[in-house]
Amino acid sequence: GIVASSFDLLAVLDTTSVRLQVEGYTSATVSFTLKQKVHDPETGVASYGEPLDLSTYITSIKIGSTTLSAAQLQAGTIELPLSVLEDDGAYITFPVITMTVKTGSAFEASNLLYSNYQVTVSVSLFNEDDPIISSYASNFVIYTNAKVVPDFIVR
């Protein structure tokens, strides 16, 4: 059966309004956070809970042609060489990020819960060891890990 599902993300940082602050950046990072949607039984309100261990739910993350090591996946952050960024003076484009998440038998074997999951991807530029605050950008994708029970499908 199916054990994993993949999707691609693209990060583009619009630097037109902060170009002077980001000029001369020396490195860039990409960080990942995974959260599961949970319902509070007392209030009935649904929200995304505490960050989860990426390596439990995600089998691999590839940024451009580089696959994150187990340690990088565990840490959730990777520093990128400047050579992989495309900078046209207005926009800085990061390499395509391909994520492969557990599903199907691999998901069930790990006793994980079918639910909605939110993956937040954050990018930032650095000048030496100091983050350039105006360069920080973050967005997220939500995916659903669900099991279809064909017995309930009416034809």
N, C-alpha and C. Protein backbone atom coordinates (compact mmCIF):
# COMPACT_ATOMS: atom_id res chain seq x y z
N GLY A 1 0.81 -1.18 0.00
CA GLY A 1 0.00 0.00 0.00
C GLY A 1 0.86 1.26 0.00
N ILE A 2 0.20 2.37 -0.02
CA ILE A 2 0.87 3.66 -0.01
C ILE A 2 1.49 3.88 1.37
N VAL A 3 2.74 4.34 1.40
CA VAL A 3 3.41 4.61 2.67
C VAL A 3 3.86 6.07 2.81
N ALA A 4 3.80 6.83 1.71
CA ALA A 4 4.23 8.23 1.78
C ALA A 4 3.55 9.03 0.68
N SER A 5 3.46 10.33 0.91
CA SER A 5 2.89 11.25 -0.06
C SER A 5 3.77 12.49 -0.08
N SER A 6 4.00 13.05 -1.27
CA SER A 6 4.91 14.19 -1.39
C SER A 6 4.19 15.42 -1.91
N PHE A 7 4.70 16.59 -1.54
CA PHE A 7 4.23 17.84 -2.11
C PHE A 7 5.39 18.83 -2.15
N ASP A 8 5.30 19.79 -3.05
CA ASP A 8 6.36 20.78 -3.25
C ASP A 8 5.93 22.15 -2.76
N LEU A 9 6.89 22.90 -2.22
CA LEU A 9 6.68 24.26 -1.76
C LEU A 9 7.74 25.15 -2.39
N LEU A 10 7.42 26.41 -2.60
CA LEU A 10 8.39 27.37 -3.13
C LEU A 10 8.36 28.61 -2.25
N ALA A 11 9.54 29.02 -1.78
CA ALA A 11 9.65 30.23 -0.95
C ALA A 11 10.28 31.33 -1.77
N VAL A 12 9.58 32.46 -1.85
CA VAL A 12 10.09 33.64 -2.55
C VAL A 12 10.00 34.80 -1.57
N LEU A 13 11.12 35.44 -1.32
CA LEU A 13 11.19 36.54 -0.38
C LEU A 13 11.21 37.85 -1.15
N ASP A 14 10.17 38.67 -0.97
CA ASP A 14 10.08 39.98 -1.62
C ASP A 14 10.89 40.97 -0.79
N THR A 15 12.01 41.44 -1.34
CA THR A 15 12.90 42.34 -0.59
C THR A 15 12.85 43.77 -1.11
N THR A 16 11.87 44.09 -1.95
CA THR A 16 11.85 45.44 -2.55
C THR A 16 11.78 46.54 -1.51
N SER A 17 11.02 46.35 -0.43
CA SER A 17 10.88 47.41 0.57
C SER A 17 11.98 47.41 1.62
N VAL A 18 12.77 46.36 1.69
CA VAL A 18 13.82 46.25 2.72
C VAL A 18 15.20 45.98 2.11
N ARG A 19 15.36 46.35 0.85
CA ARG A 19 16.59 46.00 0.14
C ARG A 19 17.86 46.51 0.82
N LEU A 20 17.82 47.72 1.37
CA LEU A 20 19.01 48.26 2.03
C LEU A 20 19.37 47.46 3.28
N GLN A 21 18.36 46.99 4.01
CA GLN A 21 18.63 46.21 5.23
C GLN A 21 19.20 44.83 4.93
N VAL A 22 18.79 44.23 3.80
CA VAL A 22 19.24 42.87 3.51
C VAL A 22 20.48 42.84 2.61
N GLU A 23 20.89 44.00 2.13
CA GLU A 23 22.07 44.06 1.26
C GLU A 23 23.27 43.46 1.99
N GLY A 24 24.00 42.60 1.32
CA GLY A 24 25.20 42.02 1.91
C GLY A 24 24.93 40.84 2.83
N TYR A 25 23.75 40.24 2.75
CA TYR A 25 23.48 39.08 3.61
C TYR A 25 24.51 37.98 3.32
N THR A 26 24.83 37.22 4.35
CA THR A 26 25.89 36.21 4.22
C THR A 26 25.37 34.78 4.26
N SER A 27 24.16 34.58 4.73
CA SER A 27 23.60 33.23 4.75
C SER A 27 22.08 33.31 4.83
N ALA A 28 21.46 32.16 4.67
CA ALA A 28 20.00 32.06 4.73
C ALA A 28 19.64 30.75 5.43
N THR A 29 18.53 30.76 6.14
CA THR A 29 18.05 29.53 6.78
C THR A 29 16.61 29.28 6.39
N VAL A 30 16.25 28.00 6.45
CA VAL A 30 14.87 27.56 6.29
C VAL A 30 14.55 26.71 7.51
N SER A 31 13.42 27.00 8.15
CA SER A 31 12.99 26.26 9.33
C SER A 31 11.60 25.68 9.09
N PHE A 32 11.35 24.54 9.71
CA PHE A 32 10.08 23.84 9.56
C PHE A 32 9.49 23.56 10.94
N THR A 33 8.17 23.75 11.05
CA THR A 33 7.44 23.40 12.27
C THR A 33 6.19 22.63 11.84
N LEU A 34 5.90 21.54 12.52
CA LEU A 34 4.73 20.71 12.23
C LEU A 34 3.82 20.70 13.45
N LYS A 35 2.52 20.95 13.21
CA LYS A 35 1.53 20.91 14.29
C LYS A 35 0.30 20.13 13.83
N GLN A 36 -0.35 19.50 14.78
CA GLN A 36 -1.56 18.73 14.49
C GLN A 36 -2.78 19.51 14.98
N LYS A 37 -3.85 19.46 14.21
CA LYS A 37 -5.08 20.13 14.62
C LYS A 37 -5.73 19.30 15.72
N VAL A 38 -6.06 19.97 16.82
CA VAL A 38 -6.67 19.30 17.96
C VAL A 38 -7.92 20.06 18.38
N HIS A 39 -8.88 19.34 18.93
CA HIS A 39 -10.12 19.95 19.43
C HIS A 39 -10.06 19.96 20.95
N ASP A 40 -10.42 21.09 21.52
CA ASP A 40 -10.53 21.18 22.97
C ASP A 40 -11.93 20.70 23.33
N PRO A 41 -12.04 19.57 24.06
CA PRO A 41 -13.37 19.01 24.35
C PRO A 41 -14.24 19.93 25.23
N GLU A 42 -13.60 20.78 26.02
CA GLU A 42 -14.37 21.68 26.90
C GLU A 42 -14.97 22.85 26.14
N THR A 43 -14.20 23.44 25.23
CA THR A 43 -14.69 24.62 24.51
C THR A 43 -15.21 24.28 23.12
N GLY A 44 -14.81 23.13 22.59
CA GLY A 44 -15.21 22.76 21.24
C GLY A 44 -14.42 23.48 20.17
N VAL A 45 -13.41 24.25 20.59
CA VAL A 45 -12.60 25.03 19.66
C VAL A 45 -11.45 24.17 19.13
N ALA A 46 -11.24 24.25 17.82
CA ALA A 46 -10.13 23.53 17.20
C ALA A 46 -8.99 24.50 16.93
N SER A 47 -7.77 24.03 17.18
CA SER A 47 -6.59 24.84 16.90
C SER A 47 -5.42 23.89 16.66
N TYR A 48 -4.32 24.46 16.19
CA TYR A 48 -3.13 23.65 15.99
C TYR A 48 -2.32 23.66 17.27
N GLY A 49 -1.98 22.47 17.75
CA GLY A 49 -1.34 22.30 19.05
C GLY A 49 0.14 22.61 19.05
N GLU A 50 0.83 21.99 19.97
CA GLU A 50 2.27 22.18 20.16
C GLU A 50 3.04 21.58 18.99
N PRO A 51 4.24 22.11 18.72
CA PRO A 51 5.07 21.53 17.64
C PRO A 51 5.36 20.05 17.88
N LEU A 52 5.34 19.29 16.79
CA LEU A 52 5.60 17.85 16.84
C LEU A 52 7.01 17.56 16.32
N ASP A 53 7.49 16.37 16.61
CA ASP A 53 8.79 15.92 16.10
C ASP A 53 8.64 15.66 14.60
N LEU A 54 9.31 16.45 13.78
CA LEU A 54 9.20 16.31 12.32
C LEU A 54 9.51 14.90 11.86
N SER A 55 10.54 14.29 12.42
CA SER A 55 10.99 12.98 11.93
C SER A 55 9.98 11.87 12.19
N THR A 56 9.03 12.10 13.09
CA THR A 56 7.99 11.09 13.34
C THR A 56 6.96 11.08 12.21
N TYR A 57 6.69 12.24 11.60
CA TYR A 57 5.63 12.38 10.62
C TYR A 57 6.12 12.57 9.18
N ILE A 58 7.33 13.08 9.04
CA ILE A 58 7.87 13.39 7.72
C ILE A 58 9.04 12.47 7.44
N THR A 59 9.00 11.78 6.31
CA THR A 59 10.07 10.85 5.99
C THR A 59 11.26 11.54 5.36
N SER A 60 11.03 12.65 4.64
CA SER A 60 12.16 13.40 4.09
C SER A 60 11.74 14.80 3.69
N ILE A 61 12.74 15.69 3.74
CA ILE A 61 12.59 17.05 3.21
C ILE A 61 13.79 17.27 2.31
N LYS A 62 13.50 17.70 1.09
CA LYS A 62 14.54 17.96 0.12
C LYS A 62 14.44 19.43 -0.27
N ILE A 63 15.56 20.14 -0.20
CA ILE A 63 15.61 21.54 -0.59
C ILE A 63 16.51 21.62 -1.81
N GLY A 64 15.90 21.88 -2.96
CA GLY A 64 16.66 21.81 -4.21
C GLY A 64 17.11 20.38 -4.42
N SER A 65 18.41 20.17 -4.55
CA SER A 65 18.92 18.81 -4.75
C SER A 65 19.47 18.20 -3.47
N THR A 66 19.32 18.91 -2.34
CA THR A 66 19.87 18.44 -1.06
C THR A 66 18.77 17.88 -0.18
N THR A 67 18.94 16.63 0.24
CA THR A 67 18.01 16.01 1.18
C THR A 67 18.53 16.24 2.59
N LEU A 68 17.67 16.71 3.48
CA LEU A 68 18.08 16.95 4.86
C LEU A 68 18.51 15.65 5.52
N SER A 69 19.56 15.73 6.30
CA SER A 69 20.02 14.57 7.07
C SER A 69 19.03 14.33 8.21
N ALA A 70 19.17 13.19 8.87
CA ALA A 70 18.31 12.88 10.01
C ALA A 70 18.47 13.93 11.10
N ALA A 71 19.70 14.39 11.33
CA ALA A 71 19.95 15.41 12.35
C ALA A 71 19.30 16.75 11.96
N GLN A 72 19.38 17.11 10.68
CA GLN A 72 18.75 18.36 10.23
C GLN A 72 17.23 18.26 10.32
N LEU A 73 16.69 17.11 9.99
CA LEU A 73 15.24 16.91 10.09
C LEU A 73 14.81 17.00 11.55
N GLN A 74 15.60 16.42 12.42
CA GLN A 74 15.31 16.47 13.86
C GLN A 74 15.36 17.92 14.36
N ALA A 75 16.36 18.69 13.92
CA ALA A 75 16.51 20.08 14.35
C ALA A 75 15.45 20.98 13.73
N GLY A 76 15.04 20.67 12.50
CA GLY A 76 14.00 21.46 11.83
C GLY A 76 14.50 22.71 11.14
N THR A 77 15.81 22.95 11.15
CA THR A 77 16.38 24.15 10.52
C THR A 77 17.61 23.77 9.73
N ILE A 78 17.77 24.39 8.57
CA ILE A 78 18.97 24.16 7.76
C ILE A 78 19.47 25.50 7.23
N GLU A 79 20.79 25.65 7.26
CA GLU A 79 21.41 26.83 6.65
C GLU A 79 21.71 26.49 5.20
N LEU A 80 21.37 27.41 4.32
CA LEU A 80 21.56 27.20 2.89
C LEU A 80 22.76 27.97 2.38
N PRO A 81 23.53 27.39 1.47
CA PRO A 81 24.59 28.16 0.83
C PRO A 81 23.97 29.21 -0.10
N LEU A 82 24.60 30.35 -0.18
CA LEU A 82 24.07 31.42 -1.02
C LEU A 82 23.99 31.02 -2.48
N SER A 83 24.80 30.06 -2.89
CA SER A 83 24.82 29.65 -4.29
C SER A 83 23.50 29.03 -4.75
N VAL A 84 22.65 28.58 -3.83
CA VAL A 84 21.38 27.95 -4.23
C VAL A 84 20.24 28.96 -4.29
N LEU A 85 20.49 30.19 -3.85
CA LEU A 85 19.46 31.23 -3.90
C LEU A 85 19.54 31.98 -5.21
N GLU A 86 18.38 32.40 -5.71
CA GLU A 86 18.34 33.26 -6.89
C GLU A 86 17.92 34.64 -6.42
N ASP A 87 18.81 35.63 -6.61
CA ASP A 87 18.56 36.98 -6.14
C ASP A 87 18.61 37.93 -7.33
N ASP A 88 17.44 38.48 -7.68
CA ASP A 88 17.39 39.39 -8.84
C ASP A 88 17.37 40.86 -8.42
N GLY A 89 17.63 41.13 -7.13
CA GLY A 89 17.63 42.49 -6.65
C GLY A 89 16.30 42.93 -6.05
N ALA A 90 15.24 42.23 -6.37
CA ALA A 90 13.92 42.53 -5.81
C ALA A 90 13.36 41.32 -5.05
N TYR A 91 13.61 40.14 -5.58
CA TYR A 91 13.10 38.91 -4.98
C TYR A 91 14.24 37.92 -4.79
N ILE A 92 14.21 37.22 -3.66
CA ILE A 92 15.16 36.15 -3.41
C ILE A 92 14.35 34.86 -3.43
N THR A 93 14.67 33.99 -4.37
CA THR A 93 13.93 32.74 -4.51
C THR A 93 14.76 31.60 -3.93
N PHE A 94 14.15 30.88 -3.03
CA PHE A 94 14.77 29.71 -2.42
C PHE A 94 14.51 28.50 -3.31
N PRO A 95 15.34 27.46 -3.23
CA PRO A 95 15.08 26.26 -4.04
C PRO A 95 13.74 25.62 -3.67
N VAL A 96 13.19 24.84 -4.59
CA VAL A 96 11.93 24.13 -4.33
C VAL A 96 12.13 23.17 -3.16
N ILE A 97 11.17 23.18 -2.27
CA ILE A 97 11.19 22.30 -1.09
C ILE A 97 10.21 21.17 -1.34
N THR A 98 10.70 19.94 -1.31
CA THR A 98 9.84 18.77 -1.48
C THR A 98 9.76 18.03 -0.15
N MET A 99 8.54 17.89 0.35
CA MET A 99 8.32 17.18 1.61
C MET A 99 7.60 15.88 1.34
N THR A 100 8.05 14.83 2.00
CA THR A 100 7.39 13.54 1.90
C THR A 100 6.93 13.16 3.30
N VAL A 101 5.61 12.97 3.44
CA VAL A 101 5.02 12.68 4.74
C VAL A 101 4.56 11.23 4.80
N LYS A 102 4.59 10.68 6.00
CA LYS A 102 4.10 9.31 6.19
C LYS A 102 2.59 9.29 6.00
N THR A 103 2.11 8.20 5.43
CA THR A 103 0.69 7.98 5.31
C THR A 103 0.46 6.48 5.16
N GLY A 104 -0.78 6.07 5.09
CA GLY A 104 -1.09 4.65 4.87
C GLY A 104 -0.51 3.75 5.94
N SER A 105 0.05 2.61 5.51
CA SER A 105 0.53 1.60 6.46
C SER A 105 1.67 2.11 7.33
N ALA A 106 2.56 2.95 6.79
CA ALA A 106 3.67 3.50 7.60
C ALA A 106 3.13 4.42 8.69
N PHE A 107 2.10 5.18 8.36
CA PHE A 107 1.46 6.08 9.31
C PHE A 107 0.78 5.28 10.42
N GLU A 108 0.03 4.25 10.03
CA GLU A 108 -0.68 3.42 11.00
C GLU A 108 0.29 2.62 11.87
N ALA A 109 1.39 2.14 11.28
CA ALA A 109 2.37 1.36 12.03
C ALA A 109 3.02 2.19 13.14
N SER A 110 3.05 3.51 12.95
CA SER A 110 3.62 4.41 13.95
C SER A 110 2.58 4.87 14.97
N ASN A 111 1.34 4.35 14.86
CA ASN A 111 0.23 4.71 15.76
C ASN A 111 -0.03 6.22 15.79
N LEU A 112 0.01 6.84 14.61
CA LEU A 112 -0.25 8.27 14.51
C LEU A 112 -1.74 8.50 14.25
N LEU A 113 -2.20 9.70 14.53
CA LEU A 113 -3.62 10.01 14.41
C LEU A 113 -3.94 10.64 13.06
N TYR A 114 -4.99 10.16 12.43
CA TYR A 114 -5.48 10.81 11.21
C TYR A 114 -6.01 12.17 11.62
N SER A 115 -5.60 13.20 10.90
CA SER A 115 -5.95 14.55 11.29
C SER A 115 -5.49 15.53 10.22
N ASN A 116 -5.73 16.81 10.47
CA ASN A 116 -5.13 17.88 9.67
C ASN A 116 -3.80 18.24 10.32
N TYR A 117 -2.81 18.50 9.48
CA TYR A 117 -1.48 18.89 9.95
C TYR A 117 -1.07 20.18 9.26
N GLN A 118 -0.42 21.04 10.01
CA GLN A 118 0.06 22.32 9.48
C GLN A 118 1.58 22.32 9.52
N VAL A 119 2.18 22.53 8.35
CA VAL A 119 3.63 22.66 8.26
C VAL A 119 3.93 24.13 7.99
N THR A 120 4.63 24.76 8.91
CA THR A 120 5.04 26.16 8.75
C THR A 120 6.47 26.17 8.25
N VAL A 121 6.70 26.92 7.17
CA VAL A 121 8.03 27.08 6.60
C VAL A 121 8.42 28.54 6.80
N SER A 122 9.56 28.75 7.46
CA SER A 122 10.06 30.09 7.74
C SER A 122 11.42 30.26 7.09
N VAL A 123 11.65 31.42 6.48
CA VAL A 123 12.94 31.71 5.87
C VAL A 123 13.47 33.00 6.47
N SER A 124 14.80 33.08 6.56
CA SER A 124 15.42 34.28 7.11
C SER A 124 16.81 34.42 6.53
N LEU A 125 17.22 35.67 6.38
CA LEU A 125 18.57 35.99 5.94
C LEU A 125 19.40 36.42 7.15
N PHE A 126 20.70 36.17 7.07
CA PHE A 126 21.60 36.52 8.16
C PHE A 126 22.76 37.35 7.64
N ASN A 127 23.26 38.22 8.51
CA ASN A 127 24.50 38.94 8.26
C ASN A 127 25.46 38.41 9.32
N GLU A 128 26.40 37.56 8.88
CA GLU A 128 27.24 36.79 9.81
C GLU A 128 26.32 35.94 10.67
N ASP A 129 26.36 36.11 12.01
CA ASP A 129 25.51 35.29 12.88
C ASP A 129 24.22 35.99 13.30
N ASP A 130 24.03 37.22 12.82
CA ASP A 130 22.88 38.01 13.25
C ASP A 130 21.75 37.93 12.23
N PRO A 131 20.54 37.55 12.69
CA PRO A 131 19.41 37.53 11.76
C PRO A 131 19.05 38.95 11.32
N ILE A 132 18.69 39.08 10.07
CA ILE A 132 18.20 40.35 9.54
C ILE A 132 16.69 40.32 9.71
N ILE A 133 16.21 41.00 10.75
CA ILE A 133 14.81 40.91 11.15
C ILE A 133 13.86 41.20 10.00
N SER A 134 14.17 42.20 9.19
CA SER A 134 13.26 42.58 8.10
C SER A 134 13.19 41.53 7.00
N SER A 135 14.05 40.50 7.05
CA SER A 135 14.03 39.48 5.99
C SER A 135 13.20 38.26 6.38
N TYR A 136 12.75 38.18 7.62
CA TYR A 136 12.02 37.00 8.09
C TYR A 136 10.67 36.90 7.38
N ALA A 137 10.37 35.72 6.86
CA ALA A 137 9.07 35.47 6.24
C ALA A 137 8.62 34.06 6.62
N SER A 138 7.33 33.89 6.75
CA SER A 138 6.79 32.61 7.17
C SER A 138 5.43 32.38 6.50
N ASN A 139 5.18 31.13 6.16
CA ASN A 139 3.87 30.75 5.63
C ASN A 139 3.67 29.28 5.94
N PHE A 140 2.51 28.78 5.66
CA PHE A 140 2.24 27.39 6.01
C PHE A 140 1.40 26.70 4.95
N VAL A 141 1.44 25.38 5.02
CA VAL A 141 0.58 24.54 4.20
C VAL A 141 -0.12 23.58 5.16
N ILE A 142 -1.37 23.29 4.87
CA ILE A 142 -2.13 22.33 5.67
C ILE A 142 -2.41 21.11 4.81
N TYR A 143 -2.12 19.95 5.36
CA TYR A 143 -2.47 18.72 4.66
C TYR A 143 -3.28 17.83 5.59
N THR A 144 -4.08 16.98 5.01
CA THR A 144 -4.92 16.07 5.77
C THR A 144 -4.44 14.65 5.56
N ASN A 145 -4.21 13.96 6.65
CA ASN A 145 -3.88 12.55 6.58
C ASN A 145 -5.15 11.82 7.02
N ALA A 146 -5.78 11.17 6.06
CA ALA A 146 -7.07 10.53 6.33
C ALA A 146 -7.11 9.14 5.72
N LYS A 147 -7.98 8.34 6.26
CA LYS A 147 -8.18 6.99 5.73
C LYS A 147 -9.58 6.93 5.14
N VAL A 148 -9.65 6.52 3.89
CA VAL A 148 -10.94 6.38 3.23
C VAL A 148 -11.43 4.95 3.47
N VAL A 149 -12.62 4.84 4.03
CA VAL A 149 -13.23 3.54 4.26
C VAL A 149 -14.27 3.33 3.16
N PRO A 150 -13.96 2.49 2.17
CA PRO A 150 -14.85 2.35 1.01
C PRO A 150 -16.25 1.81 1.34
N ASP A 151 -16.40 1.15 2.49
CA ASP A 151 -17.71 0.61 2.86
C ASP A 151 -18.76 1.71 3.02
N PHE A 152 -18.32 2.94 3.29
CA PHE A 152 -19.25 4.03 3.53
C PHE A 152 -19.53 4.84 2.27
N ILE A 153 -18.88 4.50 1.18
CA ILE A 153 -19.09 5.21 -0.08
C ILE A 153 -20.27 4.61 -0.81
N VAL A 154 -21.27 5.44 -1.10
CA VAL A 154 -22.46 4.97 -1.81
C VAL A 154 -22.26 5.25 -3.29
N ARG A 155 -22.50 4.25 -4.08
CA ARG A 155 -22.33 4.41 -5.55
C ARG A 155 -23.63 4.72 -6.19
